[in-house]
Protein backbone atom coordinates (compact mmCIF):
# COMPACT_ATOMS: atom_id res chain seq x y z
CA UNK A 1 0.00 0.00 0.00
CA UNK A 2 1.23 3.42 -0.87
CA UNK A 3 -1.06 5.35 1.45
CA UNK A 4 -2.10 4.20 4.92
CA UNK A 5 -3.22 5.96 8.10
CA UNK A 6 -0.32 6.53 10.52
CA UNK A 7 -2.00 7.89 13.61
CA UNK A 8 0.14 9.49 16.27
CA UNK A 9 -0.30 8.04 19.78
CA UNK A 10 -2.27 10.23 22.19
CA UNK A 11 0.74 10.41 24.46
CA UNK A 12 2.54 12.25 21.64
CA UNK A 13 -0.26 14.66 20.68
CA UNK A 14 1.05 18.21 20.21
CA UNK A 15 4.65 17.04 20.67
CA UNK A 16 6.22 17.09 17.25
CA UNK A 17 9.16 18.53 15.35
CA UNK A 18 7.40 21.86 14.92
CA UNK A 19 6.98 22.14 18.70
CA UNK A 20 10.59 21.11 19.36
CA UNK A 21 12.41 23.56 17.08
CA UNK A 22 12.18 27.30 16.57
CA UNK A 23 9.74 28.70 14.04
CA UNK A 24 12.67 29.68 11.82
CA UNK A 25 14.15 26.16 12.02
CA UNK A 26 10.76 24.62 11.20
CA UNK A 27 10.45 26.87 8.14
CA UNK A 28 13.88 25.76 6.92
CA UNK A 29 13.04 22.07 7.44
CA UNK A 30 9.61 22.12 5.84
CA UNK A 31 10.61 24.30 2.91
CA UNK A 32 13.62 22.04 2.27
CA UNK A 33 11.26 19.06 2.32
CA UNK A 34 8.98 20.72 -0.24
CA UNK A 35 11.89 21.62 -2.48
CA UNK A 36 13.40 18.11 -2.33
CA UNK A 37 10.04 16.72 -3.45
CA UNK A 38 9.82 19.30 -6.26
CA UNK A 39 6.65 20.65 -4.60
CA UNK A 40 4.74 17.44 -5.39
CA UNK A 41 3.29 14.77 -3.13
CA UNK A 42 5.76 11.95 -2.53
CA UNK A 43 2.91 9.42 -2.49
CA UNK A 44 0.48 10.36 -5.25
CA UNK A 45 2.42 13.02 -7.18
CA UNK A 46 -0.44 15.48 -6.74
CA UNK A 47 -0.66 18.98 -5.34
CA UNK A 48 -3.20 20.83 -3.22
CA UNK A 49 -5.38 23.74 -4.25
CA UNK A 50 -4.44 26.18 -1.44
CA UNK A 51 -0.81 25.08 -1.21
CA UNK A 52 0.95 22.32 -3.13
CA UNK A 53 2.26 20.16 -0.27
CA UNK A 54 2.58 19.88 3.50
CA UNK A 55 5.44 18.48 5.55
CA UNK A 56 4.73 15.17 7.30
CA UNK A 57 6.88 13.54 9.96
CA UNK A 58 7.56 9.83 9.47
CA UNK A 59 8.14 8.06 12.79
CA UNK A 60 9.47 4.63 13.72
CA UNK A 61 8.20 3.14 16.98
CA UNK A 62 10.25 0.82 19.20
CA UNK A 63 7.92 -0.75 21.75
CA UNK A 64 10.81 -2.23 23.76
CA UNK A 65 12.58 1.08 24.36
CA UNK A 66 9.49 3.36 24.12
CA UNK A 67 11.35 5.50 21.59
CA UNK A 68 9.45 7.24 18.82
CA UNK A 69 12.19 8.09 16.33
CA UNK A 70 11.87 10.58 13.50
CA UNK A 71 13.15 8.84 10.37
CA UNK A 72 12.36 11.49 7.77
CA UNK A 73 10.19 14.35 6.64
CA UNK A 74 8.12 13.87 3.50
CA UNK A 75 6.04 16.18 1.35
CA UNK A 76 2.39 15.16 1.08
CA UNK A 77 -0.45 16.84 -0.76
CA UNK A 78 -3.20 17.92 1.65
CA UNK A 79 -5.41 14.99 0.57
CA UNK A 80 -2.75 12.36 1.31
CA UNK A 81 -1.84 14.13 4.55
CA UNK A 82 -5.49 13.91 5.57
CA UNK A 83 -5.48 10.14 5.00
CA UNK A 84 -2.33 9.70 7.07
CA UNK A 85 -4.03 11.64 9.90
CA UNK A 86 -7.43 9.95 9.46
CA UNK A 87 -8.38 10.64 13.08
CA UNK A 88 -7.95 14.37 12.53
CA UNK A 89 -9.88 14.07 9.27
CA UNK A 90 -12.73 12.61 11.34
CA UNK A 91 -12.61 15.48 13.82
CA UNK A 92 -12.88 17.86 10.86
CA UNK A 93 -15.80 15.90 9.35
CA UNK A 94 -13.74 14.78 6.35
CA UNK A 95 -13.46 11.02 6.89
CA UNK A 96 -15.32 10.12 3.69
CA UNK A 97 -13.14 12.42 1.56
CA UNK A 98 -10.04 10.85 3.08
CA UNK A 99 -11.34 7.32 2.46
CA UNK A 100 -12.17 8.19 -1.16
CA UNK A 101 -8.65 9.51 -1.69
CA UNK A 102 -7.09 6.41 -0.09
CA UNK A 103 -9.20 4.17 -2.36
CA UNK A 104 -8.13 6.11 -5.45
CA UNK A 105 -4.42 6.26 -4.61
CA UNK A 106 -4.14 2.63 -3.53
CA UNK A 107 -6.53 1.19 -6.12
CA UNK A 108 -8.47 -0.67 -3.42
CA UNK A 109 -12.10 -1.21 -2.47
CA UNK A 110 -13.95 0.68 0.23
CA UNK A 111 -13.97 -2.50 2.33
CA UNK A 112 -10.18 -2.80 2.03
CA UNK A 113 -9.79 0.86 2.97
CA UNK A 114 -11.97 0.38 6.03
CA UNK A 115 -9.88 -2.67 7.03
CA UNK A 116 -6.71 -0.57 6.80
CA UNK A 117 -8.32 2.09 8.97
CA UNK A 118 -9.44 -0.51 11.52
CA UNK A 119 -5.90 -1.93 11.66
CA UNK A 120 -4.51 1.56 12.14
CA UNK A 121 -6.95 2.23 15.01
CA UNK A 122 -5.89 -1.02 16.70
CA UNK A 123 -2.21 -0.10 16.39
CA UNK A 124 -3.00 3.39 17.68
CA UNK A 125 -4.71 1.93 20.75
CA UNK A 126 -1.68 -0.28 21.47
CA UNK A 127 0.68 2.66 21.11
CA UNK A 128 -1.46 4.79 23.42
CA UNK A 129 -0.42 2.57 26.34
CA UNK A 130 3.19 3.75 26.04
CA UNK A 131 4.68 7.07 27.16
CA UNK A 132 6.91 7.70 24.15
CA UNK A 133 10.25 9.48 24.19
CA UNK A 134 10.84 11.39 20.97
CA UNK A 135 14.15 11.02 19.18
CA UNK A 136 14.72 13.73 16.57
CA UNK A 137 18.48 13.31 16.25
CA UNK A 138 18.09 12.94 12.48
CA UNK A 139 17.58 16.71 12.39
CA UNK A 140 21.17 17.26 13.51
CA UNK A 141 22.21 16.58 9.90
CA UNK A 142 20.03 19.51 8.77
CA UNK A 143 21.77 22.16 10.86
C-alpha cells in the first residue's frame, strides 16, 4: 500500500518537530522538504489547491525502548496528509473524503480501505499505552 493511516499516539499529541524547534528552524526544514520533493506529493504526485504540499513527519516506533524516532520528513499533498491523519480528518468531518482519496491512490475497495483504517486504530490503541520518548536526532544533519 502506498497510502495508509499513521495515527500518532495520544501520548505524543502536540509534541512534534514543529513544537521542538524554533519557528525559523521549522520553516527551513519544511521548505527544504517541499523543495526536495519538487513541490509534489511523494505518495500520489499530486498537489493541493491552497498550497501544493505539507510536511509530514515519518516516525518509527520501538515498543521495547518506548522510543518514537523521527526517520524522515516527507512532502504530502493535503489529501494524502489527511489520510495519514485519518483521526484528525474525522474530527474535521472529512473522513469520507479521506477514504475516497485512499481508495483512489491505492486502487483498493472501500472494504479494504476500512480494514486498513481498523488496523490503524488497533495499532493506535496499542501505542497509546506507552509514554513515548521522541528522538529527533536525524535533524542534527540539517543544521
